[in-house]
């Protein structure tokens, strides 16, 4: 069983590889005798990586989204003043509110809510109807059979009298 120190060292080697370093460069940086030591360290780090279940991952994402939503609400509810060249802009002595941060916070909250809705599956899937050409042709033939035949002497498109 790997100690926490060796696990941390393995994780560091993997972090260097994730930056695009070669095994040889990782070995040189970390003092391994050759590139195979660096490769083995990376393999150990990958093998020890604990993966979350889908539900655990969803929970973590939801926690992050909810925290972001709280921060966006704080911006939305704060008072924002228009500033120009480091000075609060005033009209008749009164500071002019700045709506841009409020509108940006609203946009962000909507985006966060959309992501949350996706996780919960709140959007109904779009239903598509697929029909076979043979089915359409058969229906057209059936409709044609139902039509009243034309009198050869009558004007086109005008059914003959019965």
C-alpha atoms as a PDB file:
ATOM      1  CA  UNK A   1       0.000   0.000   0.000  1.00  0.00           C
ATOM      2  CA  UNK A   2       1.363   3.379  -0.984  1.00  0.00           C
ATOM      3  CA  UNK A   3       2.071   5.944   1.682  1.00  0.00           C
ATOM      4  CA  UNK A   4       0.511   9.361   1.407  1.00  0.00           C
ATOM      5  CA  UNK A   5       3.958  10.749   0.575  1.00  0.00           C
ATOM      6  CA  UNK A   6       4.494   8.350  -2.328  1.00  0.00           C
ATOM      7  CA  UNK A   7       0.885   8.880  -3.474  1.00  0.00           C
ATOM      8  CA  UNK A   8       1.522  12.628  -3.498  1.00  0.00           C
ATOM      9  CA  UNK A   9       4.727  12.074  -5.469  1.00  0.00           C
ATOM     10  CA  UNK A  10       2.873   9.884  -7.972  1.00  0.00           C
ATOM     11  CA  UNK A  11       0.175  12.569  -8.307  1.00  0.00           C
ATOM     12  CA  UNK A  12       2.854  15.197  -8.938  1.00  0.00           C
ATOM     13  CA  UNK A  13       4.356  13.044 -11.714  1.00  0.00           C
ATOM     14  CA  UNK A  14       0.903  12.668 -13.256  1.00  0.00           C
ATOM     15  CA  UNK A  15       0.329  16.436 -13.047  1.00  0.00           C
ATOM     16  CA  UNK A  16       3.540  17.013 -15.026  1.00  0.00           C
ATOM     17  CA  UNK A  17       2.397  14.492 -17.643  1.00  0.00           C
ATOM     18  CA  UNK A  18      -0.970  16.244 -17.849  1.00  0.00           C
ATOM     19  CA  UNK A  19       0.940  19.411 -18.794  1.00  0.00           C
ATOM     20  CA  UNK A  20       2.371  17.526 -21.756  1.00  0.00           C
ATOM     21  CA  UNK A  21       5.770  16.672 -20.290  1.00  0.00           C
ATOM     22  CA  UNK A  22       7.511  13.548 -21.567  1.00  0.00           C
ATOM     23  CA  UNK A  23       8.230  10.713 -19.146  1.00  0.00           C
ATOM     24  CA  UNK A  24      11.922  11.536 -19.493  1.00  0.00           C
ATOM     25  CA  UNK A  25      11.370  15.155 -18.499  1.00  0.00           C
ATOM     26  CA  UNK A  26       9.252  14.041 -15.517  1.00  0.00           C
ATOM     27  CA  UNK A  27      12.013  11.606 -14.511  1.00  0.00           C
ATOM     28  CA  UNK A  28      14.640  14.335 -14.773  1.00  0.00           C
ATOM     29  CA  UNK A  29      12.545  16.825 -12.772  1.00  0.00           C
ATOM     30  CA  UNK A  30      11.594  14.389 -10.013  1.00  0.00           C
ATOM     31  CA  UNK A  31      14.840  12.432  -9.759  1.00  0.00           C
ATOM     32  CA  UNK A  32      13.705   9.056 -11.122  1.00  0.00           C
ATOM     33  CA  UNK A  33      16.559   6.939 -12.484  1.00  0.00           C
ATOM     34  CA  UNK A  34      14.887   6.697 -15.895  1.00  0.00           C
ATOM     35  CA  UNK A  35      11.633   7.370 -17.735  1.00  0.00           C
ATOM     36  CA  UNK A  36      10.120   4.000 -16.730  1.00  0.00           C
ATOM     37  CA  UNK A  37      10.077   5.159 -13.086  1.00  0.00           C
ATOM     38  CA  UNK A  38       8.102   8.239 -14.099  1.00  0.00           C
ATOM     39  CA  UNK A  39       5.733   6.110 -16.203  1.00  0.00           C
ATOM     40  CA  UNK A  40       5.111   3.717 -13.308  1.00  0.00           C
ATOM     41  CA  UNK A  41       4.427   6.650 -10.969  1.00  0.00           C
ATOM     42  CA  UNK A  42       1.847   8.000 -13.408  1.00  0.00           C
ATOM     43  CA  UNK A  43       0.232   4.573 -13.755  1.00  0.00           C
ATOM     44  CA  UNK A  44       0.007   4.221  -9.964  1.00  0.00           C
ATOM     45  CA  UNK A  45      -1.599   7.664  -9.696  1.00  0.00           C
ATOM     46  CA  UNK A  46      -4.172   6.753 -12.347  1.00  0.00           C
ATOM     47  CA  UNK A  47      -4.917   3.397 -10.735  1.00  0.00           C
ATOM     48  CA  UNK A  48      -5.489   4.949  -7.326  1.00  0.00           C
ATOM     49  CA  UNK A  49      -7.811   7.627  -8.693  1.00  0.00           C
ATOM     50  CA  UNK A  50     -11.212   7.081  -7.145  1.00  0.00           C
ATOM     51  CA  UNK A  51     -14.033   7.788  -9.547  1.00  0.00           C
ATOM     52  CA  UNK A  52     -17.376   9.097  -8.381  1.00  0.00           C
ATOM     53  CA  UNK A  53     -20.582   7.411  -9.399  1.00  0.00           C
ATOM     54  CA  UNK A  54     -22.821   9.334 -11.743  1.00  0.00           C
ATOM     55  CA  UNK A  55     -25.072  10.331  -8.852  1.00  0.00           C
ATOM     56  CA  UNK A  56     -22.112  11.497  -6.769  1.00  0.00           C
ATOM     57  CA  UNK A  57     -20.807  13.514  -9.709  1.00  0.00           C
ATOM     58  CA  UNK A  58     -24.253  15.077 -10.206  1.00  0.00           C
ATOM     59  CA  UNK A  59     -24.371  15.982  -6.521  1.00  0.00           C
ATOM     60  CA  UNK A  60     -20.970  17.672  -6.689  1.00  0.00           C
ATOM     61  CA  UNK A  61     -21.958  19.605  -9.802  1.00  0.00           C
ATOM     62  CA  UNK A  62     -25.248  20.657  -8.209  1.00  0.00           C
ATOM     63  CA  UNK A  63     -23.414  21.892  -5.115  1.00  0.00           C
ATOM     64  CA  UNK A  64     -21.116  24.006  -7.305  1.00  0.00           C
ATOM     65  CA  UNK A  65     -24.034  25.341  -9.350  1.00  0.00           C
ATOM     66  CA  UNK A  66     -25.990  26.259  -6.244  1.00  0.00           C
ATOM     67  CA  UNK A  67     -22.974  28.060  -4.770  1.00  0.00           C
ATOM     68  CA  UNK A  68     -22.550  29.966  -8.036  1.00  0.00           C
ATOM     69  CA  UNK A  69     -26.243  30.801  -8.015  1.00  0.00           C
ATOM     70  CA  UNK A  70     -25.981  32.213  -4.488  1.00  0.00           C
ATOM     71  CA  UNK A  71     -23.072  34.406  -5.586  1.00  0.00           C
ATOM     72  CA  UNK A  72     -25.053  35.600  -8.613  1.00  0.00           C
ATOM     73  CA  UNK A  73     -28.015  36.436  -6.370  1.00  0.00           C
ATOM     74  CA  UNK A  74     -25.712  38.477  -4.121  1.00  0.00           C
ATOM     75  CA  UNK A  75     -24.648  40.512  -7.167  1.00  0.00           C
ATOM     76  CA  UNK A  76     -28.267  40.835  -8.275  1.00  0.00           C
ATOM     77  CA  UNK A  77     -29.384  42.187  -4.894  1.00  0.00           C
ATOM     78  CA  UNK A  78     -26.449  44.578  -4.370  1.00  0.00           C
ATOM     79  CA  UNK A  79     -26.582  48.280  -5.190  1.00  0.00           C
ATOM     80  CA  UNK A  80     -24.396  49.148  -8.169  1.00  0.00           C
ATOM     81  CA  UNK A  81     -23.371  52.660  -9.102  1.00  0.00           C
ATOM     82  CA  UNK A  82     -22.179  53.927 -12.447  1.00  0.00           C
ATOM     83  CA  UNK A  83     -18.473  54.763 -12.283  1.00  0.00           C
ATOM     84  CA  UNK A  84     -16.446  56.658 -14.860  1.00  0.00           C
ATOM     85  CA  UNK A  85     -12.723  57.371 -14.552  1.00  0.00           C
ATOM     86  CA  UNK A  86     -12.808  56.144 -10.968  1.00  0.00           C
ATOM     87  CA  UNK A  87     -15.580  58.561  -9.956  1.00  0.00           C
ATOM     88  CA  UNK A  88     -19.227  57.827  -9.190  1.00  0.00           C
ATOM     89  CA  UNK A  89     -21.380  59.414 -11.877  1.00  0.00           C
ATOM     90  CA  UNK A  90     -24.034  61.717 -10.450  1.00  0.00           C
ATOM     91  CA  UNK A  91     -27.078  63.492 -11.815  1.00  0.00           C
ATOM     92  CA  UNK A  92     -28.368  66.424  -9.790  1.00  0.00           C
ATOM     93  CA  UNK A  93     -26.149  65.268  -6.945  1.00  0.00           C
ATOM     94  CA  UNK A  94     -27.615  61.748  -6.873  1.00  0.00           C
ATOM     95  CA  UNK A  95     -25.505  58.698  -7.894  1.00  0.00           C
ATOM     96  CA  UNK A  96     -26.716  56.993 -11.055  1.00  0.00           C
ATOM     97  CA  UNK A  97     -27.427  53.279 -10.611  1.00  0.00           C
ATOM     98  CA  UNK A  98     -25.644  50.828 -12.899  1.00  0.00           C
ATOM     99  CA  UNK A  99     -27.972  48.129 -14.215  1.00  0.00           C
ATOM    100  CA  UNK A 100     -25.287  46.193 -16.132  1.00  0.00           C
ATOM    101  CA  UNK A 101     -24.182  44.013 -13.173  1.00  0.00           C
ATOM    102  CA  UNK A 102     -27.821  43.284 -12.330  1.00  0.00           C
ATOM    103  CA  UNK A 103     -28.623  42.240 -15.892  1.00  0.00           C
ATOM    104  CA  UNK A 104     -25.451  40.131 -16.064  1.00  0.00           C
ATOM    105  CA  UNK A 105     -26.422  38.424 -12.791  1.00  0.00           C
ATOM    106  CA  UNK A 106     -29.896  37.682 -14.169  1.00  0.00           C
ATOM    107  CA  UNK A 107     -28.353  36.131 -17.284  1.00  0.00           C
ATOM    108  CA  UNK A 108     -26.020  34.035 -15.130  1.00  0.00           C
ATOM    109  CA  UNK A 109     -28.857  32.814 -12.888  1.00  0.00           C
ATOM    110  CA  UNK A 110     -30.850  31.765 -15.964  1.00  0.00           C
ATOM    111  CA  UNK A 111     -27.841  29.829 -17.309  1.00  0.00           C
ATOM    112  CA  UNK A 112     -27.285  28.147 -13.945  1.00  0.00           C
ATOM    113  CA  UNK A 113     -30.976  27.208 -13.744  1.00  0.00           C
ATOM    114  CA  UNK A 114     -30.752  25.705 -17.238  1.00  0.00           C
ATOM    115  CA  UNK A 115     -27.807  23.551 -16.177  1.00  0.00           C
ATOM    116  CA  UNK A 116     -29.634  22.446 -13.032  1.00  0.00           C
ATOM    117  CA  UNK A 117     -32.711  21.611 -15.109  1.00  0.00           C
ATOM    118  CA  UNK A 118     -30.576  19.446 -17.417  1.00  0.00           C
ATOM    119  CA  UNK A 119     -29.219  17.495 -14.454  1.00  0.00           C
ATOM    120  CA  UNK A 120     -32.720  16.900 -13.107  1.00  0.00           C
ATOM    121  CA  UNK A 121     -34.012  16.027 -16.584  1.00  0.00           C
ATOM    122  CA  UNK A 122     -36.621  18.787 -16.421  1.00  0.00           C
ATOM    123  CA  UNK A 123     -36.639  19.300 -20.173  1.00  0.00           C
ATOM    124  CA  UNK A 124     -38.892  16.850 -21.985  1.00  0.00           C
ATOM    125  CA  UNK A 125     -37.175  15.182 -24.894  1.00  0.00           C
ATOM    126  CA  UNK A 126     -38.255  16.351 -28.313  1.00  0.00           C
ATOM    127  CA  UNK A 127     -40.519  13.843 -29.972  1.00  0.00           C
ATOM    128  CA  UNK A 128     -39.880  13.107 -33.631  1.00  0.00           C
ATOM    129  CA  UNK A 129     -42.218  11.216 -35.896  1.00  0.00           C
ATOM    130  CA  UNK A 130     -40.491   9.007 -38.417  1.00  0.00           C
ATOM    131  CA  UNK A 131     -42.542   7.638 -41.248  1.00  0.00           C
ATOM    132  CA  UNK A 132     -41.467   5.212 -43.916  1.00  0.00           C
ATOM    133  CA  UNK A 133     -41.774   6.214 -47.569  1.00  0.00           C
ATOM    134  CA  UNK A 134     -43.764   3.022 -48.225  1.00  0.00           C
ATOM    135  CA  UNK A 135     -46.256   4.061 -45.543  1.00  0.00           C
ATOM    136  CA  UNK A 136     -46.654   7.501 -47.121  1.00  0.00           C
ATOM    137  CA  UNK A 137     -47.045   6.009 -50.610  1.00  0.00           C
ATOM    138  CA  UNK A 138     -49.688   3.582 -49.339  1.00  0.00           C
ATOM    139  CA  UNK A 139     -51.626   6.450 -47.736  1.00  0.00           C
ATOM    140  CA  UNK A 140     -51.464   8.507 -50.950  1.00  0.00           C
ATOM    141  CA  UNK A 141     -52.791   5.550 -52.959  1.00  0.00           C
ATOM    142  CA  UNK A 142     -55.624   5.060 -50.464  1.00  0.00           C
ATOM    143  CA  UNK A 143     -56.559   8.736 -50.727  1.00  0.00           C
ATOM    144  CA  UNK A 144     -56.450   8.535 -54.519  1.00  0.00           C
ATOM    145  CA  UNK A 145     -58.838   5.567 -54.414  1.00  0.00           C
ATOM    146  CA  UNK A 146     -61.260   7.607 -52.308  1.00  0.00           C
ATOM    147  CA  UNK A 147     -61.382  10.455 -54.818  1.00  0.00           C
ATOM    148  CA  UNK A 148     -64.340  10.790 -57.193  1.00  0.00           C
ATOM    149  CA  UNK A 149     -63.237  10.006 -60.729  1.00  0.00           C
ATOM    150  CA  UNK A 150     -63.337  12.913 -63.165  1.00  0.00           C
ATOM    151  CA  UNK A 151     -65.610  13.052 -66.204  1.00  0.00           C
ATOM    152  CA  UNK A 152     -63.277  12.980 -69.178  1.00  0.00           C
ATOM    153  CA  UNK A 153     -65.202  15.910 -70.700  1.00  0.00           C
ATOM    154  CA  UNK A 154     -65.256  18.024 -67.519  1.00  0.00           C
ATOM    155  CA  UNK A 155     -62.747  20.739 -66.667  1.00  0.00           C
ATOM    156  CA  UNK A 156     -59.712  19.526 -64.720  1.00  0.00           C
ATOM    157  CA  UNK A 157     -60.181  19.496 -60.960  1.00  0.00           C
ATOM    158  CA  UNK A 158     -63.980  19.629 -61.132  1.00  0.00           C
ATOM    159  CA  UNK A 159     -65.633  16.311 -60.256  1.00  0.00           C
ATOM    160  CA  UNK A 160     -68.416  15.109 -62.492  1.00  0.00           C
ATOM    161  CA  UNK A 161     -71.981  15.140 -61.274  1.00  0.00           C
ATOM    162  CA  UNK A 162     -73.423  11.892 -60.070  1.00  0.00           C
END
